[in-house]
Structures are given as C-alpha cells and as structure tokens.
C-alpha cells in the first residue's frame, strides 16, 4: 500500500477550511488559544510490532526516532481540530523470529495520516491530544530494497505541557503513546504493536 500523503493532506486542509470559522485562519490574540493552530513535535522512544500467522511469529522491537505534525484551527474554547501526520523509524532494528534473535541492516518505518483534536487546560497550558488515522509499515533492507504493508488503523494519544515564549509561540515537552493494527498483503493476519515517546513540542497558536 502506498499512501498519497500530499493528496490526502490537501483534502484534509479543504475539509478543515469548510468546518472552521474564518477567524480561525487569522492571527489570534497574544498568549491565547485561538486562531490558526500548528504543532511540530519531534521525539525519541521505543516501539515494537509483531506478526503471528499461527505458524511463525516475527517481532521487531527497538529504539525509534519519531514525532507528529499537526495543522488546523481552534473550533471552541481551548479546543483545536487538526489534520495530523505522525510516525516513527527504527534504524537497523532488532527482530525475533520464533524465539531466535537477530538484526537487519536497514530500517523499519511506520507512517500515518489522520485527524485529531487537542484540548488545553488553562491557565497551566497542559494539553491532551489524540489522533486516529490510517498508516503503513515499510521495511527497507540493505541491499535488497524495501517493501510496504497494506493500510491499517493507527492511533496516538499525547499529554504535554507548554510555556509561552512569544505572543503566539509556545515550547514544551510531551509524552506520547501509540498503537497500530496494520494489514499485511501476504498473509491474513495484521501487524500489531505499540510505541512510547518523549517529545519536544513547538506550537504556533
């Protein structure tokens, strides 16, 4: 499965434009959650994913670099609606095949796109965010090339704390939990797994 990220983002932005009030796309008041919303959150953590077809069990588990990118607008007091891109990558991941350990030269990447909401608890600027969408796994093995799974459901939940550093920019830290259940086009079973991350967040709002 190949996700048309650019096309899907364009559709998402058009949908947001249809539901958000016009003032949401303008500049908001200083140090308030109103107007246009943009959040960038790189991070590091750990992830695992497993495929079990009843005969063989393959599990990848290792450290990751990940994050999310959210864009949208405020639709109610302290509540943002946004399109979200998120994912993670394992470099040279460790694996376990039927209780036999090994590693590969390459990478395993999970990428997802969907819709999400973020709610801020004020005045402490603590936020809760959740996104649900569709994603895929891509395994790239050197020197053999790469292969993709089909699409499947991916979810993430984030808790963060930010501090205003200018009129509309806030910086902070966050913890993220994610889960996925993604179809494989070669077998009838799904890849199932989870991830946990510590993130740095930069939000314009």
Protein backbone atom coordinates (compact mmCIF):
# COMPACT_ATOMS: atom_id res chain seq x y z
CA UNK A 1 0.00 0.00 0.00
CA UNK A 2 1.24 3.47 -0.86
CA UNK A 3 -0.25 6.43 0.98
CA UNK A 4 -0.72 9.57 -1.12
CA UNK A 5 0.40 11.89 1.65
CA UNK A 6 0.31 15.08 -0.38
CA UNK A 7 -3.12 14.46 -1.85
CA UNK A 8 -4.60 13.36 1.45
CA UNK A 9 -3.20 16.45 3.21
CA UNK A 10 -4.78 18.67 0.59
CA UNK A 11 -8.17 17.02 1.13
CA UNK A 12 -7.77 17.36 4.89
CA UNK A 13 -6.98 21.08 4.66
CA UNK A 14 -10.04 21.64 2.45
CA UNK A 15 -12.24 19.78 4.93
CA UNK A 16 -10.87 21.86 7.80
CA UNK A 17 -11.47 25.04 5.84
CA UNK A 18 -15.10 24.04 5.47
CA UNK A 19 -15.74 23.49 9.18
CA UNK A 20 -13.55 26.13 10.82
CA UNK A 21 -14.82 29.71 11.21
CA UNK A 22 -12.99 32.33 9.16
CA UNK A 23 -11.27 33.91 12.18
CA UNK A 24 -9.56 30.59 12.91
CA UNK A 25 -7.24 31.09 9.95
CA UNK A 26 -6.06 34.51 11.06
CA UNK A 27 -3.66 35.51 13.79
CA UNK A 28 -5.04 35.00 17.27
CA UNK A 29 -4.68 37.13 20.38
CA UNK A 30 -1.42 37.06 22.33
CA UNK A 31 -0.88 34.01 24.55
CA UNK A 32 -4.36 32.63 23.95
CA UNK A 33 -5.54 29.50 22.20
CA UNK A 34 -7.47 30.91 19.27
CA UNK A 35 -6.96 31.23 15.54
CA UNK A 36 -4.64 29.13 13.41
CA UNK A 37 -3.04 26.06 15.04
CA UNK A 38 0.31 24.46 14.13
CA UNK A 39 2.30 21.98 16.21
CA UNK A 40 5.62 20.25 15.44
CA UNK A 41 6.77 17.53 17.84
CA UNK A 42 9.96 15.50 17.20
CA UNK A 43 10.86 12.83 19.74
CA UNK A 44 12.62 9.61 20.65
CA UNK A 45 11.37 6.41 22.24
CA UNK A 46 10.75 2.72 21.75
CA UNK A 47 8.40 0.72 19.51
CA UNK A 48 7.53 -2.88 18.75
CA UNK A 49 5.38 -4.64 16.16
CA UNK A 50 4.50 -8.31 15.72
CA UNK A 51 3.08 -10.55 13.01
CA UNK A 52 1.82 -14.00 14.03
CA UNK A 53 0.19 -16.17 11.34
CA UNK A 54 -0.24 -19.23 13.55
CA UNK A 55 2.92 -20.89 12.26
CA UNK A 56 5.61 -18.25 12.58
CA UNK A 57 5.92 -15.22 14.84
CA UNK A 58 8.04 -12.27 13.76
CA UNK A 59 8.60 -9.34 16.11
CA UNK A 60 10.58 -6.12 15.60
CA UNK A 61 11.47 -4.12 18.72
CA UNK A 62 13.98 -1.30 19.12
CA UNK A 63 14.57 2.39 19.79
CA UNK A 64 12.93 4.89 17.47
CA UNK A 65 13.01 8.47 16.29
CA UNK A 66 9.50 9.80 15.72
CA UNK A 67 7.07 12.66 16.12
CA UNK A 68 3.99 14.32 14.73
CA UNK A 69 2.96 17.37 12.70
CA UNK A 70 -0.50 18.86 13.30
CA UNK A 71 -2.19 21.71 11.43
CA UNK A 72 -5.68 23.12 11.88
CA UNK A 73 -7.50 25.72 13.94
CA UNK A 74 -9.36 26.42 17.19
CA UNK A 75 -13.04 25.41 16.94
CA UNK A 76 -14.11 26.05 20.56
CA UNK A 77 -12.55 27.47 23.71
CA UNK A 78 -9.07 25.90 24.04
CA UNK A 79 -10.03 23.10 21.61
CA UNK A 80 -8.21 22.57 18.30
CA UNK A 81 -9.25 20.36 15.40
CA UNK A 82 -6.37 19.36 13.14
CA UNK A 83 -5.04 17.06 10.48
CA UNK A 84 -2.10 15.04 11.78
CA UNK A 85 0.91 13.36 10.23
CA UNK A 86 2.87 11.10 12.56
CA UNK A 87 5.17 8.12 12.64
CA UNK A 88 8.48 6.61 13.71
CA UNK A 89 11.58 4.89 12.32
CA UNK A 90 13.80 2.12 13.70
CA UNK A 91 17.36 2.08 12.42
CA UNK A 92 18.97 -1.37 12.00
CA UNK A 93 16.14 -2.91 14.04
CA UNK A 94 16.44 -6.00 16.20
CA UNK A 95 13.98 -8.80 15.48
CA UNK A 96 12.84 -12.10 16.94
CA UNK A 97 11.68 -14.94 14.65
CA UNK A 98 10.26 -17.93 16.52
CA UNK A 99 12.36 -17.07 19.62
CA UNK A 100 15.55 -16.67 17.56
CA UNK A 101 17.12 -13.21 17.84
CA UNK A 102 18.72 -11.23 15.03
CA UNK A 103 19.06 -7.80 13.45
CA UNK A 104 18.97 -6.33 9.95
CA UNK A 105 20.87 -3.60 8.15
CA UNK A 106 18.17 -1.16 7.18
CA UNK A 107 15.11 0.45 8.72
CA UNK A 108 11.50 -0.14 9.69
CA UNK A 109 9.19 2.87 9.38
CA UNK A 110 5.59 3.42 10.44
CA UNK A 111 3.86 6.42 8.84
CA UNK A 112 0.29 7.58 9.43
CA UNK A 113 -2.12 10.34 8.49
CA UNK A 114 -5.42 11.21 10.12
CA UNK A 115 -7.50 13.69 12.07
CA UNK A 116 -7.05 14.74 15.67
CA UNK A 117 -8.11 17.03 18.48
CA UNK A 118 -6.10 18.89 21.11
CA UNK A 119 -7.52 20.36 24.29
CA UNK A 120 -5.66 22.81 26.53
CA UNK A 121 -6.22 23.05 30.27
CA UNK A 122 -5.72 26.70 31.12
CA UNK A 123 -4.08 28.64 32.62
CA UNK A 124 -1.44 25.93 33.18
CA UNK A 125 -1.16 25.26 29.39
CA UNK A 126 -1.35 21.50 29.81
CA UNK A 127 -2.71 19.72 26.75
CA UNK A 128 -4.28 16.40 25.80
CA UNK A 129 -4.21 15.33 22.17
CA UNK A 130 -5.46 12.32 20.25
CA UNK A 131 -5.30 11.37 16.57
CA UNK A 132 -6.82 8.48 14.63
CA UNK A 133 -5.97 7.60 11.06
CA UNK A 134 -4.54 5.14 8.58
CA UNK A 135 -0.93 4.06 8.29
CA UNK A 136 1.52 1.58 6.85
CA UNK A 137 4.78 -0.12 7.69
CA UNK A 138 7.77 -0.04 5.35
CA UNK A 139 10.76 -2.34 5.78
CA UNK A 140 13.94 -1.33 3.94
CA UNK A 141 16.69 -3.98 3.96
CA UNK A 142 20.16 -3.24 2.60
CA UNK A 143 20.94 -4.29 -0.15
CA UNK A 144 17.61 -5.92 -1.07
CA UNK A 145 15.31 -2.90 -1.21
CA UNK A 146 12.03 -2.08 0.51
CA UNK A 147 8.50 -3.37 0.83
CA UNK A 148 5.27 -1.94 2.23
CA UNK A 149 2.31 -3.39 4.07
CA UNK A 150 -1.30 -2.59 3.29
CA UNK A 151 -3.02 0.15 5.30
CA UNK A 152 -4.45 -0.18 8.77
CA UNK A 153 -5.67 1.76 11.77
CA UNK A 154 -3.20 3.82 13.79
CA UNK A 155 -3.88 5.81 16.96
CA UNK A 156 -1.84 8.08 19.20
CA UNK A 157 -2.50 9.84 22.49
CA UNK A 158 -0.32 12.69 23.75
CA UNK A 159 -0.05 14.58 27.06
CA UNK A 160 2.10 17.70 27.06
CA UNK A 161 2.99 20.91 28.88
CA UNK A 162 3.99 24.13 27.12
CA UNK A 163 5.28 27.57 28.08
CA UNK A 164 4.64 30.73 26.06
CA UNK A 165 7.85 32.20 24.62
CA UNK A 166 6.25 34.91 22.45
CA UNK A 167 2.81 36.24 21.51
CA UNK A 168 1.84 33.11 19.57
CA UNK A 169 4.65 30.56 20.05
CA UNK A 170 4.86 28.06 22.90
CA UNK A 171 7.53 25.43 23.58
CA UNK A 172 7.19 22.35 25.74
CA UNK A 173 7.62 18.65 26.36
CA UNK A 174 5.21 15.77 25.88
CA UNK A 175 4.77 12.05 26.27
CA UNK A 176 3.12 10.01 23.51
CA UNK A 177 1.59 6.54 23.38
CA UNK A 178 0.66 4.93 20.07
CA UNK A 179 -0.86 1.72 18.76
CA UNK A 180 -1.38 0.18 15.34
CA UNK A 181 -3.09 -2.74 13.63
CA UNK A 182 -1.94 -2.86 10.00
CA UNK A 183 -2.83 -5.35 7.26
CA UNK A 184 -0.13 -7.37 5.54
CA UNK A 185 -0.79 -8.13 1.88
CA UNK A 186 0.97 -11.53 2.06
CA UNK A 187 -0.95 -13.11 4.97
CA UNK A 188 -4.39 -12.73 6.52
CA UNK A 189 -3.05 -11.54 9.89
CA UNK A 190 -2.21 -7.98 10.95
CA UNK A 191 0.93 -6.35 12.27
CA UNK A 192 0.04 -5.27 15.80
CA UNK A 193 2.20 -3.10 18.01
CA UNK A 194 2.72 0.00 20.09
CA UNK A 195 5.17 2.80 20.75
CA UNK A 196 6.08 5.23 23.51
CA UNK A 197 7.94 8.52 23.01
CA UNK A 198 9.24 11.59 24.79
CA UNK A 199 8.78 14.64 22.55
CA UNK A 200 9.73 18.28 22.30
CA UNK A 201 6.83 20.44 21.07
CA UNK A 202 6.72 23.79 19.32
CA UNK A 203 3.24 25.24 18.79
CA UNK A 204 2.06 28.33 16.93
CA UNK A 205 -1.41 29.41 18.00
